[in-house]
Amino acid sequence: MSQRFLTLADVTEELNISAGAAYQLVRSGELPAIQVGGRGQWRVEASALETYIQHLYEQTRRRIEDGELHES
């Protein structure tokens, strides 16, 4: 059985971002998450992370189509 919930450490690894960036995505509501346990540790549902990634692909595709992205 695959893992339903991911830690923020898992998210940072998947997206190759800093822990602070992952925390900000969650705190802003951009990446839906829940707090569990007595210490209120954040968990992100794997499907929510996949939805977030697909949303980023869509945003990037629109920006390319609108000519907003340029190769450096």
N, C-alpha and C. Protein backbone atom coordinates (compact mmCIF):
# COMPACT_ATOMS: atom_id res chain seq x y z
N MET A 1 0.85 -1.19 0.00
CA MET A 1 0.00 0.00 0.00
C MET A 1 0.89 1.24 0.00
N SER A 2 0.58 2.18 -0.88
CA SER A 2 1.37 3.40 -0.94
C SER A 2 0.99 4.32 0.22
N GLN A 3 1.89 5.22 0.53
CA GLN A 3 1.71 6.13 1.65
C GLN A 3 0.71 7.22 1.28
N ARG A 4 -0.32 7.40 2.11
CA ARG A 4 -1.34 8.41 1.83
C ARG A 4 -0.85 9.81 2.18
N PHE A 5 -0.18 9.94 3.32
CA PHE A 5 0.26 11.25 3.78
C PHE A 5 1.77 11.38 3.74
N LEU A 6 2.24 12.57 3.42
CA LEU A 6 3.66 12.87 3.34
C LEU A 6 4.01 13.91 4.40
N THR A 7 5.21 13.83 4.91
CA THR A 7 5.71 14.86 5.82
C THR A 7 6.19 16.04 4.98
N LEU A 8 6.45 17.16 5.63
CA LEU A 8 7.01 18.29 4.89
C LEU A 8 8.39 17.96 4.37
N ALA A 9 9.12 17.09 5.07
CA ALA A 9 10.43 16.65 4.58
C ALA A 9 10.26 15.89 3.26
N ASP A 10 9.21 15.07 3.17
CA ASP A 10 8.93 14.36 1.92
C ASP A 10 8.62 15.34 0.80
N VAL A 11 7.84 16.38 1.12
CA VAL A 11 7.47 17.40 0.13
C VAL A 11 8.72 18.13 -0.36
N THR A 12 9.60 18.50 0.57
CA THR A 12 10.83 19.21 0.17
C THR A 12 11.65 18.35 -0.77
N GLU A 13 11.70 17.06 -0.49
CA GLU A 13 12.47 16.15 -1.35
C GLU A 13 11.82 16.01 -2.73
N GLU A 14 10.52 15.85 -2.76
CA GLU A 14 9.80 15.68 -4.03
C GLU A 14 9.94 16.91 -4.92
N LEU A 15 9.82 18.09 -4.32
CA LEU A 15 9.84 19.33 -5.10
C LEU A 15 11.23 19.94 -5.19
N ASN A 16 12.18 19.38 -4.46
CA ASN A 16 13.55 19.90 -4.42
C ASN A 16 13.55 21.38 -4.01
N ILE A 17 12.88 21.65 -2.89
CA ILE A 17 12.80 23.00 -2.33
C ILE A 17 13.26 22.95 -0.88
N SER A 18 13.44 24.11 -0.29
CA SER A 18 13.85 24.18 1.12
C SER A 18 12.68 23.87 2.04
N ALA A 19 13.01 23.54 3.28
CA ALA A 19 11.98 23.28 4.28
C ALA A 19 11.13 24.53 4.49
N GLY A 20 11.77 25.70 4.50
CA GLY A 20 11.04 26.95 4.67
C GLY A 20 10.06 27.20 3.54
N ALA A 21 10.46 26.86 2.32
CA ALA A 21 9.58 27.04 1.17
C ALA A 21 8.37 26.10 1.26
N ALA A 22 8.59 24.87 1.69
CA ALA A 22 7.49 23.92 1.84
C ALA A 22 6.52 24.40 2.93
N TYR A 23 7.07 24.87 4.03
CA TYR A 23 6.25 25.38 5.12
C TYR A 23 5.42 26.57 4.65
N GLN A 24 6.01 27.44 3.87
CA GLN A 24 5.29 28.61 3.35
C GLN A 24 4.15 28.20 2.41
N LEU A 25 4.38 27.19 1.58
CA LEU A 25 3.32 26.71 0.70
C LEU A 25 2.12 26.22 1.50
N VAL A 26 2.41 25.53 2.60
CA VAL A 26 1.35 25.01 3.46
C VAL A 26 0.66 26.14 4.22
N ARG A 27 1.45 27.03 4.82
CA ARG A 27 0.88 28.12 5.63
C ARG A 27 0.04 29.07 4.78
N SER A 28 0.42 29.26 3.52
CA SER A 28 -0.33 30.15 2.64
C SER A 28 -1.61 29.51 2.11
N GLY A 29 -1.71 28.18 2.24
CA GLY A 29 -2.87 27.47 1.73
C GLY A 29 -2.70 27.04 0.28
N GLU A 30 -1.58 27.40 -0.31
CA GLU A 30 -1.34 27.02 -1.71
C GLU A 30 -1.24 25.49 -1.85
N LEU A 31 -0.67 24.85 -0.83
CA LEU A 31 -0.57 23.39 -0.80
C LEU A 31 -1.38 22.93 0.42
N PRO A 32 -2.54 22.32 0.21
CA PRO A 32 -3.38 21.90 1.32
C PRO A 32 -2.67 20.88 2.21
N ALA A 33 -2.84 21.04 3.52
CA ALA A 33 -2.22 20.14 4.48
C ALA A 33 -3.06 20.11 5.75
N ILE A 34 -2.76 19.13 6.60
CA ILE A 34 -3.42 19.03 7.91
C ILE A 34 -2.35 18.95 8.98
N GLN A 35 -2.74 19.28 10.20
CA GLN A 35 -1.85 19.10 11.33
C GLN A 35 -2.36 17.93 12.14
N VAL A 36 -1.44 17.04 12.52
CA VAL A 36 -1.81 15.84 13.27
C VAL A 36 -0.91 15.69 14.49
N GLY A 37 -1.40 14.92 15.43
CA GLY A 37 -0.61 14.61 16.61
C GLY A 37 -0.55 15.75 17.61
N GLY A 38 -0.02 15.44 18.77
CA GLY A 38 0.09 16.40 19.85
C GLY A 38 0.99 17.57 19.54
N ARG A 39 1.93 17.37 18.65
CA ARG A 39 2.86 18.44 18.30
C ARG A 39 2.45 19.19 17.05
N GLY A 40 1.31 18.82 16.48
CA GLY A 40 0.78 19.53 15.32
C GLY A 40 1.67 19.44 14.09
N GLN A 41 2.19 18.25 13.84
CA GLN A 41 3.05 18.08 12.68
C GLN A 41 2.23 18.10 11.40
N TRP A 42 2.78 18.78 10.39
CA TRP A 42 2.08 18.92 9.12
C TRP A 42 2.17 17.66 8.29
N ARG A 43 1.05 17.34 7.63
CA ARG A 43 1.00 16.22 6.69
C ARG A 43 0.28 16.69 5.44
N VAL A 44 0.81 16.27 4.30
CA VAL A 44 0.23 16.61 3.00
C VAL A 44 -0.21 15.32 2.34
N GLU A 45 -1.44 15.28 1.91
CA GLU A 45 -1.92 14.09 1.22
C GLU A 45 -1.20 13.97 -0.12
N ALA A 46 -0.75 12.77 -0.43
CA ALA A 46 0.01 12.55 -1.67
C ALA A 46 -0.77 13.05 -2.88
N SER A 47 -2.07 12.82 -2.89
CA SER A 47 -2.89 13.27 -4.03
C SER A 47 -2.94 14.80 -4.10
N ALA A 48 -2.90 15.48 -2.94
CA ALA A 48 -2.89 16.95 -2.94
C ALA A 48 -1.59 17.47 -3.52
N LEU A 49 -0.48 16.80 -3.22
CA LEU A 49 0.80 17.21 -3.79
C LEU A 49 0.78 17.01 -5.31
N GLU A 50 0.23 15.91 -5.76
CA GLU A 50 0.16 15.66 -7.20
C GLU A 50 -0.73 16.70 -7.89
N THR A 51 -1.84 17.06 -7.27
CA THR A 51 -2.72 18.10 -7.81
C THR A 51 -1.98 19.43 -7.88
N TYR A 52 -1.21 19.76 -6.85
CA TYR A 52 -0.43 20.99 -6.82
C TYR A 52 0.58 21.00 -7.97
N ILE A 53 1.26 19.89 -8.18
CA ILE A 53 2.24 19.80 -9.26
C ILE A 53 1.57 19.98 -10.62
N GLN A 54 0.42 19.34 -10.81
CA GLN A 54 -0.31 19.48 -12.08
C GLN A 54 -0.73 20.94 -12.29
N HIS A 55 -1.13 21.61 -11.21
CA HIS A 55 -1.49 23.03 -11.29
C HIS A 55 -0.29 23.86 -11.75
N LEU A 56 0.90 23.55 -11.23
CA LEU A 56 2.10 24.27 -11.65
C LEU A 56 2.39 24.04 -13.12
N TYR A 57 2.19 22.81 -13.60
CA TYR A 57 2.37 22.53 -15.03
C TYR A 57 1.41 23.39 -15.86
N GLU A 58 0.16 23.48 -15.43
CA GLU A 58 -0.83 24.27 -16.15
C GLU A 58 -0.44 25.75 -16.17
N GLN A 59 0.00 26.27 -15.02
CA GLN A 59 0.44 27.66 -14.95
C GLN A 59 1.61 27.91 -15.89
N THR A 60 2.57 27.02 -15.88
CA THR A 60 3.74 27.16 -16.74
C THR A 60 3.35 27.12 -18.21
N ARG A 61 2.46 26.20 -18.56
CA ARG A 61 2.01 26.08 -19.94
C ARG A 61 1.33 27.38 -20.39
N ARG A 62 0.48 27.97 -19.53
CA ARG A 62 -0.18 29.23 -19.88
C ARG A 62 0.83 30.36 -20.04
N ARG A 63 1.82 30.40 -19.16
CA ARG A 63 2.84 31.45 -19.25
C ARG A 63 3.64 31.31 -20.55
N ILE A 64 3.93 30.09 -20.94
CA ILE A 64 4.66 29.87 -22.20
C ILE A 64 3.80 30.33 -23.37
N GLU A 65 2.54 29.95 -23.35
CA GLU A 65 1.63 30.34 -24.44
C GLU A 65 1.46 31.85 -24.52
N ASP A 66 1.52 32.52 -23.37
CA ASP A 66 1.38 33.98 -23.33
C ASP A 66 2.71 34.70 -23.59
N GLY A 67 3.78 33.92 -23.80
CA GLY A 67 5.08 34.51 -24.09
C GLY A 67 5.77 35.12 -22.89
N GLU A 68 5.36 34.72 -21.69
CA GLU A 68 5.94 35.28 -20.48
C GLU A 68 7.26 34.62 -20.08
N LEU A 69 7.50 33.41 -20.53
CA LEU A 69 8.73 32.70 -20.15
C LEU A 69 9.74 32.82 -21.28
N HIS A 70 10.94 33.16 -20.92
CA HIS A 70 12.01 33.29 -21.89
C HIS A 70 13.18 32.43 -21.45
N GLU A 71 13.84 31.81 -22.41
CA GLU A 71 15.01 31.01 -22.10
C GLU A 71 16.17 31.93 -21.79
N SER A 72 16.94 31.59 -20.76
CA SER A 72 18.10 32.42 -20.39
C SER A 72 19.33 32.00 -21.13
